Amino acid sequence: MNKLLFLIVPVLLLFSCNKRDNVTTAKKQPVAKVKETPKTPTPKILRDYMSEEDYIFWHAKQSETANYWVRLEFEEDFLVYQFHGQCVYYFFTNYCHTGTDEIELLWSYKTDCLLNLDYLTESNGAKKIPKHGDSFSVYKLVNDSVIKVTYKFPEWVQAVNKREKDSIFPNYLYLERDDK
């Protein structure tokens, strides 16, 4: 009897599963495929790179023997300008909302610096030097990883860069990537 039971139970289960599949498997209606429109990337603007939390840095191309390590970080009302790991200047900025998408750096700053950067207050042989409150430079996004810098005191900037034998004030900045 037990042997017969072992034979009948699996057969009954097999048929019951088979019937259940037939009952629940209804004809499926074809689903209309929706065409997805390809998304065009939204052009980046400088505001996309302003952050007080994400620490998005831009750097100058400098030689391996450089005395400085110039990195910039754009925040809402100021630009963090790192001349070195132990020397940071906080320059006040204006973000132009006029459609030109530019950030203007004002020669008005606070410092946290262990180095003596006296050349920032000297003429360095230039006729025109930046004074407190002057519009010093304009930053404009070239593409999603390059910024072009235009200086209002180009003679003074060249004199500083020449004196320090470094790119203290670079013409281009490059987005620092984490994937290096």
C-alpha atoms as a PDB file:
ATOM      1  CA  MET A   1       0.000   0.000   0.000  1.00  0.00           C
ATOM      2  CA  ASN A   2       2.782   2.362   0.859  1.00  0.00           C
ATOM      3  CA  LYS A   3       4.462   1.667  -2.468  1.00  0.00           C
ATOM      4  CA  LEU A   4       1.245   2.434  -4.305  1.00  0.00           C
ATOM      5  CA  LEU A   5       0.855   5.671  -2.401  1.00  0.00           C
ATOM      6  CA  PHE A   6       4.379   6.717  -3.333  1.00  0.00           C
ATOM      7  CA  LEU A   7       3.523   6.185  -6.989  1.00  0.00           C
ATOM      8  CA  ILE A   8       0.146   7.904  -7.019  1.00  0.00           C
ATOM      9  CA  VAL A   9       1.029  11.055  -5.074  1.00  0.00           C
ATOM     10  CA  PRO A  10       3.764  12.241  -7.470  1.00  0.00           C
ATOM     11  CA  VAL A  11       1.521  11.531 -10.476  1.00  0.00           C
ATOM     12  CA  LEU A  12      -1.328  13.554  -8.926  1.00  0.00           C
ATOM     13  CA  LEU A  13       1.041  16.416  -8.125  1.00  0.00           C
ATOM     14  CA  LEU A  14       2.371  16.378 -11.649  1.00  0.00           C
ATOM     15  CA  PHE A  15      -1.110  16.607 -13.145  1.00  0.00           C
ATOM     16  CA  SER A  16      -2.268  19.270 -10.719  1.00  0.00           C
ATOM     17  CA  CYS A  17       0.765  21.448 -11.500  1.00  0.00           C
ATOM     18  CA  ASN A  18       0.224  20.952 -15.182  1.00  0.00           C
ATOM     19  CA  LYS A  19      -3.448  21.965 -14.910  1.00  0.00           C
ATOM     20  CA  ARG A  20      -2.562  25.016 -12.835  1.00  0.00           C
ATOM     21  CA  ASP A  21      -0.101  26.158 -15.482  1.00  0.00           C
ATOM     22  CA  ASN A  22      -2.740  25.831 -18.190  1.00  0.00           C
ATOM     23  CA  VAL A  23      -5.309  27.739 -16.175  1.00  0.00           C
ATOM     24  CA  THR A  24      -3.090  30.629 -15.170  1.00  0.00           C
ATOM     25  CA  THR A  25      -1.317  30.973 -18.468  1.00  0.00           C
ATOM     26  CA  ALA A  26      -3.670  33.192 -20.395  1.00  0.00           C
ATOM     27  CA  LYS A  27      -2.864  34.594 -23.769  1.00  0.00           C
ATOM     28  CA  LYS A  28      -0.664  37.581 -23.241  1.00  0.00           C
ATOM     29  CA  GLN A  29      -1.565  40.712 -25.100  1.00  0.00           C
ATOM     30  CA  PRO A  30       1.297  42.225 -27.072  1.00  0.00           C
ATOM     31  CA  VAL A  31       2.740  45.285 -25.352  1.00  0.00           C
ATOM     32  CA  ALA A  32       3.310  48.291 -27.554  1.00  0.00           C
ATOM     33  CA  LYS A  33       6.958  49.302 -27.493  1.00  0.00           C
ATOM     34  CA  VAL A  34       7.538  52.907 -26.547  1.00  0.00           C
ATOM     35  CA  LYS A  35      10.320  54.580 -28.434  1.00  0.00           C
ATOM     36  CA  GLU A  36      12.655  56.372 -26.096  1.00  0.00           C
ATOM     37  CA  THR A  37      13.955  59.643 -27.364  1.00  0.00           C
ATOM     38  CA  PRO A  38      17.687  59.890 -26.874  1.00  0.00           C
ATOM     39  CA  LYS A  39      18.559  62.370 -24.176  1.00  0.00           C
ATOM     40  CA  THR A  40      20.928  65.083 -25.260  1.00  0.00           C
ATOM     41  CA  PRO A  41      23.278  66.037 -22.482  1.00  0.00           C
ATOM     42  CA  THR A  42      22.496  69.356 -20.865  1.00  0.00           C
ATOM     43  CA  PRO A  43      25.365  71.781 -21.358  1.00  0.00           C
ATOM     44  CA  LYS A  44      27.254  72.397 -18.153  1.00  0.00           C
ATOM     45  CA  ILE A  45      27.388  75.816 -16.578  1.00  0.00           C
ATOM     46  CA  LEU A  46      29.720  77.092 -13.896  1.00  0.00           C
ATOM     47  CA  ARG A  47      26.970  76.909 -11.303  1.00  0.00           C
ATOM     48  CA  ASP A  48      27.103  73.099 -11.748  1.00  0.00           C
ATOM     49  CA  TYR A  49      30.619  73.203 -10.303  1.00  0.00           C
ATOM     50  CA  MET A  50      29.846  75.363  -7.268  1.00  0.00           C
ATOM     51  CA  SER A  51      29.700  73.378  -4.091  1.00  0.00           C
ATOM     52  CA  GLU A  52      30.428  73.669  -0.422  1.00  0.00           C
ATOM     53  CA  GLU A  53      30.075  69.919   0.096  1.00  0.00           C
ATOM     54  CA  ASP A  54      31.422  68.059  -2.939  1.00  0.00           C
ATOM     55  CA  TYR A  55      34.835  69.758  -3.169  1.00  0.00           C
ATOM     56  CA  ILE A  56      35.116  70.053  -6.921  1.00  0.00           C
ATOM     57  CA  PHE A  57      38.677  71.207  -7.602  1.00  0.00           C
ATOM     58  CA  TRP A  58      40.252  72.793 -10.654  1.00  0.00           C
ATOM     59  CA  HIS A  59      44.026  72.798 -11.057  1.00  0.00           C
ATOM     60  CA  ALA A  60      46.681  74.522 -13.082  1.00  0.00           C
ATOM     61  CA  LYS A  61      49.136  72.561 -15.179  1.00  0.00           C
ATOM     62  CA  GLN A  62      52.404  72.950 -13.344  1.00  0.00           C
ATOM     63  CA  SER A  63      55.786  71.320 -13.581  1.00  0.00           C
ATOM     64  CA  GLU A  64      56.891  68.633 -11.147  1.00  0.00           C
ATOM     65  CA  THR A  65      59.401  71.106  -9.686  1.00  0.00           C
ATOM     66  CA  ALA A  66      56.787  73.782  -8.991  1.00  0.00           C
ATOM     67  CA  ASN A  67      56.875  75.531  -5.614  1.00  0.00           C
ATOM     68  CA  TYR A  68      53.121  75.898  -5.576  1.00  0.00           C
ATOM     69  CA  TRP A  69      50.175  73.582  -6.018  1.00  0.00           C
ATOM     70  CA  VAL A  70      47.481  75.830  -7.441  1.00  0.00           C
ATOM     71  CA  ARG A  71      43.952  74.452  -6.990  1.00  0.00           C
ATOM     72  CA  LEU A  72      40.664  76.311  -7.031  1.00  0.00           C
ATOM     73  CA  GLU A  73      37.230  75.474  -5.700  1.00  0.00           C
ATOM     74  CA  PHE A  74      34.183  77.557  -6.597  1.00  0.00           C
ATOM     75  CA  GLU A  75      31.671  78.132  -3.831  1.00  0.00           C
ATOM     76  CA  GLU A  76      28.538  80.261  -3.749  1.00  0.00           C
ATOM     77  CA  ASP A  77      30.062  83.634  -2.808  1.00  0.00           C
ATOM     78  CA  PHE A  78      33.782  83.053  -2.987  1.00  0.00           C
ATOM     79  CA  LEU A  79      36.558  81.144  -4.634  1.00  0.00           C
ATOM     80  CA  VAL A  80      38.922  79.033  -2.545  1.00  0.00           C
ATOM     81  CA  TYR A  81      42.376  79.584  -4.060  1.00  0.00           C
ATOM     82  CA  GLN A  82      44.954  77.125  -2.794  1.00  0.00           C
ATOM     83  CA  PHE A  83      48.472  78.265  -3.517  1.00  0.00           C
ATOM     84  CA  HIS A  84      49.859  75.416  -1.470  1.00  0.00           C
ATOM     85  CA  GLY A  85      48.544  72.835   0.982  1.00  0.00           C
ATOM     86  CA  GLN A  86      49.307  75.280   3.793  1.00  0.00           C
ATOM     87  CA  CYS A  87      48.236  78.461   2.034  1.00  0.00           C
ATOM     88  CA  VAL A  88      44.628  79.187   1.110  1.00  0.00           C
ATOM     89  CA  TYR A  89      43.059  82.491   0.059  1.00  0.00           C
ATOM     90  CA  TYR A  90      39.301  83.042  -0.015  1.00  0.00           C
ATOM     91  CA  PHE A  91      38.520  85.541  -2.792  1.00  0.00           C
ATOM     92  CA  PHE A  92      35.076  87.072  -3.025  1.00  0.00           C
ATOM     93  CA  THR A  93      33.315  86.549  -6.342  1.00  0.00           C
ATOM     94  CA  ASN A  94      30.369  87.645  -8.423  1.00  0.00           C
ATOM     95  CA  TYR A  95      28.512  85.012 -10.381  1.00  0.00           C
ATOM     96  CA  CYS A  96      27.112  86.721 -13.465  1.00  0.00           C
ATOM     97  CA  HIS A  97      23.527  85.653 -14.093  1.00  0.00           C
ATOM     98  CA  THR A  98      23.327  87.533 -17.384  1.00  0.00           C
ATOM     99  CA  GLY A  99      23.541  84.474 -19.595  1.00  0.00           C
ATOM    100  CA  THR A 100      27.283  84.816 -20.046  1.00  0.00           C
ATOM    101  CA  ASP A 101      27.894  82.292 -17.264  1.00  0.00           C
ATOM    102  CA  GLU A 102      31.031  83.848 -15.869  1.00  0.00           C
ATOM    103  CA  ILE A 103      32.491  84.166 -12.421  1.00  0.00           C
ATOM    104  CA  GLU A 104      34.281  87.386 -11.600  1.00  0.00           C
ATOM    105  CA  LEU A 105      36.974  87.270  -8.934  1.00  0.00           C
ATOM    106  CA  LEU A 106      37.280  90.402  -6.820  1.00  0.00           C
ATOM    107  CA  TRP A 107      40.609  91.396  -5.298  1.00  0.00           C
ATOM    108  CA  SER A 108      39.140  91.147  -1.834  1.00  0.00           C
ATOM    109  CA  TYR A 109      40.136  88.169   0.236  1.00  0.00           C
ATOM    110  CA  LYS A 110      40.695  86.457   3.552  1.00  0.00           C
ATOM    111  CA  THR A 111      43.702  84.242   4.121  1.00  0.00           C
ATOM    112  CA  ASP A 112      44.732  81.110   5.953  1.00  0.00           C
ATOM    113  CA  CYS A 113      48.371  80.904   4.988  1.00  0.00           C
ATOM    114  CA  LEU A 114      51.635  79.911   6.620  1.00  0.00           C
ATOM    115  CA  LEU A 115      53.685  81.202   3.664  1.00  0.00           C
ATOM    116  CA  ASN A 116      54.731  84.781   3.031  1.00  0.00           C
ATOM    117  CA  LEU A 117      53.098  85.800  -0.252  1.00  0.00           C
ATOM    118  CA  ASP A 118      54.285  89.415  -0.228  1.00  0.00           C
ATOM    119  CA  TYR A 119      54.369  89.448  -4.032  1.00  0.00           C
ATOM    120  CA  LEU A 120      50.540  89.623  -3.966  1.00  0.00           C
ATOM    121  CA  THR A 121      50.727  93.134  -2.485  1.00  0.00           C
ATOM    122  CA  GLU A 122      53.753  94.408  -4.437  1.00  0.00           C
ATOM    123  CA  SER A 123      53.906  95.919  -7.918  1.00  0.00           C
ATOM    124  CA  ASN A 124      56.483  93.383  -9.150  1.00  0.00           C
ATOM    125  CA  GLY A 125      57.524  95.967 -11.761  1.00  0.00           C
ATOM    126  CA  ALA A 126      54.032  96.348 -13.253  1.00  0.00           C
ATOM    127  CA  LYS A 127      52.410  99.777 -13.691  1.00  0.00           C
ATOM    128  CA  LYS A 128      48.885  98.715 -12.733  1.00  0.00           C
ATOM    129  CA  ILE A 129      48.327  96.453  -9.744  1.00  0.00           C
ATOM    130  CA  PRO A 130      45.098  95.106  -8.243  1.00  0.00           C
ATOM    131  CA  LYS A 131      43.753  96.978  -5.242  1.00  0.00           C
ATOM    132  CA  HIS A 132      41.126  95.951  -2.704  1.00  0.00           C
ATOM    133  CA  GLY A 133      37.741  95.530  -4.414  1.00  0.00           C
ATOM    134  CA  ASP A 134      39.053  95.571  -8.009  1.00  0.00           C
ATOM    135  CA  SER A 135      37.684  93.119 -10.539  1.00  0.00           C
ATOM    136  CA  PHE A 136      40.756  90.917 -10.926  1.00  0.00           C
ATOM    137  CA  SER A 137      39.794  88.065 -13.261  1.00  0.00           C
ATOM    138  CA  VAL A 138      36.924  86.347 -15.047  1.00  0.00           C
ATOM    139  CA  TYR A 139      36.436  82.575 -15.197  1.00  0.00           C
ATOM    140  CA  LYS A 140      34.528  81.118 -18.126  1.00  0.00           C
ATOM    141  CA  LEU A 141      33.771  77.445 -18.827  1.00  0.00           C
ATOM    142  CA  VAL A 142      35.263  76.271 -22.148  1.00  0.00           C
ATOM    143  CA  ASN A 143      33.874  72.735 -21.844  1.00  0.00           C
ATOM    144  CA  ASP A 144      32.967  70.349 -19.014  1.00  0.00           C
ATOM    145  CA  SER A 145      36.602  70.031 -17.898  1.00  0.00           C
ATOM    146  CA  VAL A 146      38.377  73.293 -18.832  1.00  0.00           C
ATOM    147  CA  ILE A 147      38.010  76.876 -17.595  1.00  0.00           C
ATOM    148  CA  LYS A 148      39.595  79.877 -19.325  1.00  0.00           C
ATOM    149  CA  VAL A 149      40.771  82.712 -17.093  1.00  0.00           C
ATOM    150  CA  THR A 150      40.970  86.307 -18.324  1.00  0.00           C
ATOM    151  CA  TYR A 151      42.930  88.687 -16.114  1.00  0.00           C
ATOM    152  CA  LYS A 152      42.206  92.420 -15.781  1.00  0.00           C
ATOM    153  CA  PHE A 153      45.837  93.059 -14.758  1.00  0.00           C
ATOM    154  CA  PRO A 154      47.743  90.893 -17.292  1.00  0.00           C
ATOM    155  CA  GLU A 155      51.070  92.721 -16.923  1.00  0.00           C
ATOM    156  CA  TRP A 156      51.032  92.238 -13.147  1.00  0.00           C
ATOM    157  CA  VAL A 157      49.965  88.564 -13.474  1.00  0.00           C
ATOM    158  CA  GLN A 158      52.845  87.884 -15.890  1.00  0.00           C
ATOM    159  CA  ALA A 159      55.274  89.621 -13.521  1.00  0.00           C
ATOM    160  CA  VAL A 160      54.108  87.497 -10.558  1.00  0.00           C
ATOM    161  CA  ASN A 161      54.320  84.258 -12.562  1.00  0.00           C
ATOM    162  CA  LYS A 162      57.792  85.223 -13.823  1.00  0.00           C
ATOM    163  CA  ARG A 163      59.029  86.235 -10.366  1.00  0.00           C
ATOM    164  CA  GLU A 164      57.862  83.002  -8.769  1.00  0.00           C
ATOM    165  CA  LYS A 165      58.882  80.882 -11.795  1.00  0.00           C
ATOM    166  CA  ASP A 166      55.498  79.214 -11.599  1.00  0.00           C
ATOM    167  CA  SER A 167      51.915  79.346 -12.841  1.00  0.00           C
ATOM    168  CA  ILE A 168      50.453  81.140  -9.825  1.00  0.00           C
ATOM    169  CA  PHE A 169      47.768  82.683 -12.002  1.00  0.00           C
ATOM    170  CA  PRO A 170      47.166  80.243 -14.891  1.00  0.00           C
ATOM    171  CA  ASN A 171      45.285  81.014 -18.109  1.00  0.00           C
ATOM    172  CA  TYR A 172      43.503  77.660 -18.024  1.00  0.00           C
ATOM    173  CA  LEU A 173      42.237  75.432 -15.227  1.00  0.00           C
ATOM    174  CA  TYR A 174      41.467  71.739 -15.547  1.00  0.00           C
ATOM    175  CA  LEU A 175      38.879  69.730 -13.666  1.00  0.00           C
ATOM    176  CA  GLU A 176      40.503  67.446 -11.131  1.00  0.00           C
ATOM    177  CA  ARG A 177      39.185  63.936 -11.644  1.00  0.00           C
ATOM    178  CA  ASP A 178      38.897  61.258  -8.962  1.00  0.00           C
ATOM    179  CA  ASP A 179      39.641  58.453 -11.415  1.00  0.00           C
ATOM    180  CA  LYS A 180      43.384  59.146 -11.608  1.00  0.00           C
END
